[in-house]
């Protein structure tokens, strides 16, 4: 019984690593430019995300680590009003830099905040937002 428990506990600990890293609803609209072509996009900045790439002496699955880094970068891109991300380098020790870009005609805004206006307004005109609720 004791040997079975000693084998089972590390498996549970390794499986628990990605429990909390989920894609936010607003980040579902953020695309990843795997081909690297963001030439027609506006640069919104850079974000570096990191996850645990090993637990003690055990390395985590490389694909899982890369997936989690992408999810975290997409979540961060929403906060920057970006709709596209691009990896700027390969992951190193569980950390990876990403570029955030606005490529579409409709910028992605964080949940609960209006998207920035892309239209031009006359001087002195007011900017309005829809009222939610009722």
C-alpha atoms as a PDB file:
ATOM      1  CA  UNK A   1       0.000   0.000   0.000  1.00  0.00           C
ATOM      2  CA  UNK A   2       2.773   2.394   0.924  1.00  0.00           C
ATOM      3  CA  UNK A   3       4.625   1.830  -2.394  1.00  0.00           C
ATOM      4  CA  UNK A   4       1.445   2.485  -4.354  1.00  0.00           C
ATOM      5  CA  UNK A   5       0.873   5.717  -2.456  1.00  0.00           C
ATOM      6  CA  UNK A   6       4.464   6.863  -3.078  1.00  0.00           C
ATOM      7  CA  UNK A   7       3.987   6.345  -6.819  1.00  0.00           C
ATOM      8  CA  UNK A   8       0.539   7.920  -6.949  1.00  0.00           C
ATOM      9  CA  UNK A   9       1.285  11.179  -5.067  1.00  0.00           C
ATOM     10  CA  UNK A  10       3.916  12.524  -7.545  1.00  0.00           C
ATOM     11  CA  UNK A  11       1.558  11.833 -10.449  1.00  0.00           C
ATOM     12  CA  UNK A  12      -1.168  13.857  -8.737  1.00  0.00           C
ATOM     13  CA  UNK A  13       1.246  16.706  -8.033  1.00  0.00           C
ATOM     14  CA  UNK A  14       2.405  16.841 -11.659  1.00  0.00           C
ATOM     15  CA  UNK A  15      -1.168  16.807 -12.928  1.00  0.00           C
ATOM     16  CA  UNK A  16      -2.119  19.700 -10.651  1.00  0.00           C
ATOM     17  CA  UNK A  17       0.356  22.080 -12.254  1.00  0.00           C
ATOM     18  CA  UNK A  18      -1.964  23.456 -14.915  1.00  0.00           C
ATOM     19  CA  UNK A  19      -5.082  23.680 -12.798  1.00  0.00           C
ATOM     20  CA  UNK A  20      -5.552  27.467 -12.514  1.00  0.00           C
ATOM     21  CA  UNK A  21      -4.216  28.487 -15.920  1.00  0.00           C
ATOM     22  CA  UNK A  22      -7.310  29.005 -18.030  1.00  0.00           C
ATOM     23  CA  UNK A  23      -8.121  31.152 -21.025  1.00  0.00           C
ATOM     24  CA  UNK A  24     -10.230  34.174 -20.090  1.00  0.00           C
ATOM     25  CA  UNK A  25     -13.422  34.707 -22.102  1.00  0.00           C
ATOM     26  CA  UNK A  26     -12.129  37.945 -23.654  1.00  0.00           C
ATOM     27  CA  UNK A  27      -8.848  36.234 -24.617  1.00  0.00           C
ATOM     28  CA  UNK A  28     -10.699  33.807 -26.894  1.00  0.00           C
ATOM     29  CA  UNK A  29     -10.601  36.569 -29.547  1.00  0.00           C
ATOM     30  CA  UNK A  30      -6.811  36.942 -29.296  1.00  0.00           C
ATOM     31  CA  UNK A  31      -5.012  35.163 -32.127  1.00  0.00           C
ATOM     32  CA  UNK A  32      -1.466  33.825 -32.187  1.00  0.00           C
ATOM     33  CA  UNK A  33       0.679  34.806 -35.181  1.00  0.00           C
ATOM     34  CA  UNK A  34       2.729  31.632 -35.427  1.00  0.00           C
ATOM     35  CA  UNK A  35       3.959  32.636 -38.886  1.00  0.00           C
ATOM     36  CA  UNK A  36       5.324  35.845 -37.377  1.00  0.00           C
ATOM     37  CA  UNK A  37       3.652  38.171 -39.902  1.00  0.00           C
ATOM     38  CA  UNK A  38       2.420  41.208 -38.002  1.00  0.00           C
ATOM     39  CA  UNK A  39       3.584  43.749 -40.597  1.00  0.00           C
ATOM     40  CA  UNK A  40       0.137  45.344 -40.939  1.00  0.00           C
ATOM     41  CA  UNK A  41      -0.419  45.522 -37.187  1.00  0.00           C
ATOM     42  CA  UNK A  42       0.093  48.162 -34.529  1.00  0.00           C
ATOM     43  CA  UNK A  43       2.652  47.218 -31.856  1.00  0.00           C
ATOM     44  CA  UNK A  44       0.970  47.375 -28.446  1.00  0.00           C
ATOM     45  CA  UNK A  45       3.961  46.294 -26.377  1.00  0.00           C
ATOM     46  CA  UNK A  46       5.691  43.256 -24.968  1.00  0.00           C
ATOM     47  CA  UNK A  47       4.745  40.870 -22.200  1.00  0.00           C
ATOM     48  CA  UNK A  48       6.826  38.134 -20.585  1.00  0.00           C
ATOM     49  CA  UNK A  49       4.935  35.276 -18.967  1.00  0.00           C
ATOM     50  CA  UNK A  50       6.245  32.362 -16.944  1.00  0.00           C
ATOM     51  CA  UNK A  51       5.116  29.043 -15.523  1.00  0.00           C
ATOM     52  CA  UNK A  52       6.848  26.268 -13.641  1.00  0.00           C
ATOM     53  CA  UNK A  53       8.766  24.126 -16.114  1.00  0.00           C
ATOM     54  CA  UNK A  54       9.798  21.544 -13.527  1.00  0.00           C
ATOM     55  CA  UNK A  55       8.709  20.283 -10.141  1.00  0.00           C
ATOM     56  CA  UNK A  56      11.716  19.436  -8.050  1.00  0.00           C
ATOM     57  CA  UNK A  57      13.941  17.246 -10.199  1.00  0.00           C
ATOM     58  CA  UNK A  58      11.121  16.349 -12.626  1.00  0.00           C
ATOM     59  CA  UNK A  59      10.763  18.338 -15.867  1.00  0.00           C
ATOM     60  CA  UNK A  60       7.219  19.097 -16.972  1.00  0.00           C
ATOM     61  CA  UNK A  61       5.968  18.196 -20.431  1.00  0.00           C
ATOM     62  CA  UNK A  62       7.356  20.779 -22.897  1.00  0.00           C
ATOM     63  CA  UNK A  63       4.094  20.954 -24.872  1.00  0.00           C
ATOM     64  CA  UNK A  64       2.072  21.613 -21.727  1.00  0.00           C
ATOM     65  CA  UNK A  65       4.467  24.367 -20.656  1.00  0.00           C
ATOM     66  CA  UNK A  66       4.270  26.016 -24.101  1.00  0.00           C
ATOM     67  CA  UNK A  67       0.460  25.775 -24.121  1.00  0.00           C
ATOM     68  CA  UNK A  68       0.233  27.402 -20.698  1.00  0.00           C
ATOM     69  CA  UNK A  69       2.603  30.192 -21.756  1.00  0.00           C
ATOM     70  CA  UNK A  70       0.429  30.910 -24.792  1.00  0.00           C
ATOM     71  CA  UNK A  71      -2.741  30.987 -22.678  1.00  0.00           C
ATOM     72  CA  UNK A  72      -1.149  33.405 -20.226  1.00  0.00           C
ATOM     73  CA  UNK A  73       0.126  35.626 -23.055  1.00  0.00           C
ATOM     74  CA  UNK A  74      -3.340  35.738 -24.633  1.00  0.00           C
ATOM     75  CA  UNK A  75      -4.860  36.693 -21.256  1.00  0.00           C
ATOM     76  CA  UNK A  76      -2.302  39.498 -20.842  1.00  0.00           C
ATOM     77  CA  UNK A  77      -2.840  40.737 -24.419  1.00  0.00           C
ATOM     78  CA  UNK A  78      -6.457  41.565 -23.628  1.00  0.00           C
ATOM     79  CA  UNK A  79      -5.312  43.928 -20.865  1.00  0.00           C
ATOM     80  CA  UNK A  80      -3.136  45.708 -23.445  1.00  0.00           C
ATOM     81  CA  UNK A  81      -6.040  46.071 -25.942  1.00  0.00           C
ATOM     82  CA  UNK A  82      -4.238  43.711 -28.328  1.00  0.00           C
ATOM     83  CA  UNK A  83      -5.948  41.142 -30.542  1.00  0.00           C
ATOM     84  CA  UNK A  84      -2.851  39.230 -31.690  1.00  0.00           C
ATOM     85  CA  UNK A  85       0.254  37.857 -29.989  1.00  0.00           C
ATOM     86  CA  UNK A  86       3.519  36.586 -31.422  1.00  0.00           C
ATOM     87  CA  UNK A  87       6.264  34.650 -29.602  1.00  0.00           C
ATOM     88  CA  UNK A  88       9.468  36.691 -29.594  1.00  0.00           C
ATOM     89  CA  UNK A  89      11.709  33.815 -28.463  1.00  0.00           C
ATOM     90  CA  UNK A  90      11.519  30.199 -27.369  1.00  0.00           C
ATOM     91  CA  UNK A  91      10.706  29.458 -23.723  1.00  0.00           C
ATOM     92  CA  UNK A  92      13.684  29.380 -21.356  1.00  0.00           C
ATOM     93  CA  UNK A  93      13.275  28.031 -17.819  1.00  0.00           C
ATOM     94  CA  UNK A  94       9.484  28.382 -18.081  1.00  0.00           C
ATOM     95  CA  UNK A  95       9.571  32.027 -19.201  1.00  0.00           C
ATOM     96  CA  UNK A  96       8.784  33.423 -22.666  1.00  0.00           C
ATOM     97  CA  UNK A  97       8.520  36.931 -24.159  1.00  0.00           C
ATOM     98  CA  UNK A  98       5.575  37.737 -26.445  1.00  0.00           C
ATOM     99  CA  UNK A  99       4.760  40.716 -28.613  1.00  0.00           C
ATOM    100  CA  UNK A 100       1.224  42.109 -28.422  1.00  0.00           C
ATOM    101  CA  UNK A 101      -0.344  43.653 -31.529  1.00  0.00           C
ATOM    102  CA  UNK A 102      -3.582  45.171 -32.731  1.00  0.00           C
ATOM    103  CA  UNK A 103      -4.227  43.725 -36.183  1.00  0.00           C
ATOM    104  CA  UNK A 104      -8.006  43.712 -36.563  1.00  0.00           C
ATOM    105  CA  UNK A 105     -10.407  46.543 -37.184  1.00  0.00           C
ATOM    106  CA  UNK A 106     -12.095  45.978 -33.827  1.00  0.00           C
ATOM    107  CA  UNK A 107      -9.652  46.143 -30.910  1.00  0.00           C
ATOM    108  CA  UNK A 108     -10.130  43.671 -28.090  1.00  0.00           C
ATOM    109  CA  UNK A 109     -10.925  45.316 -24.751  1.00  0.00           C
ATOM    110  CA  UNK A 110     -10.681  43.805 -21.290  1.00  0.00           C
ATOM    111  CA  UNK A 111     -13.941  42.499 -19.890  1.00  0.00           C
ATOM    112  CA  UNK A 112     -16.020  45.297 -18.417  1.00  0.00           C
ATOM    113  CA  UNK A 113     -14.135  48.079 -20.220  1.00  0.00           C
ATOM    114  CA  UNK A 114     -15.042  49.742 -23.503  1.00  0.00           C
ATOM    115  CA  UNK A 115     -12.727  49.294 -26.468  1.00  0.00           C
ATOM    116  CA  UNK A 116     -10.749  52.373 -27.389  1.00  0.00           C
ATOM    117  CA  UNK A 117     -12.324  54.363 -30.177  1.00  0.00           C
ATOM    118  CA  UNK A 118     -10.671  54.207 -33.600  1.00  0.00           C
ATOM    119  CA  UNK A 119     -12.888  56.888 -35.104  1.00  0.00           C
ATOM    120  CA  UNK A 120     -11.937  60.522 -35.295  1.00  0.00           C
ATOM    121  CA  UNK A 121     -14.056  62.979 -33.362  1.00  0.00           C
ATOM    122  CA  UNK A 122     -14.590  66.660 -33.733  1.00  0.00           C
ATOM    123  CA  UNK A 123     -12.852  68.799 -31.095  1.00  0.00           C
ATOM    124  CA  UNK A 124     -15.020  69.187 -28.027  1.00  0.00           C
ATOM    125  CA  UNK A 125     -17.299  66.272 -28.888  1.00  0.00           C
ATOM    126  CA  UNK A 126     -18.198  63.789 -26.186  1.00  0.00           C
ATOM    127  CA  UNK A 127     -17.360  60.108 -26.161  1.00  0.00           C
ATOM    128  CA  UNK A 128     -20.265  57.921 -25.020  1.00  0.00           C
ATOM    129  CA  UNK A 129     -20.541  54.312 -23.929  1.00  0.00           C
ATOM    130  CA  UNK A 130     -23.587  52.048 -23.787  1.00  0.00           C
ATOM    131  CA  UNK A 131     -25.145  51.499 -20.386  1.00  0.00           C
ATOM    132  CA  UNK A 132     -25.305  47.843 -19.333  1.00  0.00           C
ATOM    133  CA  UNK A 133     -27.904  46.416 -16.979  1.00  0.00           C
ATOM    134  CA  UNK A 134     -31.456  47.286 -16.533  1.00  0.00           C
END
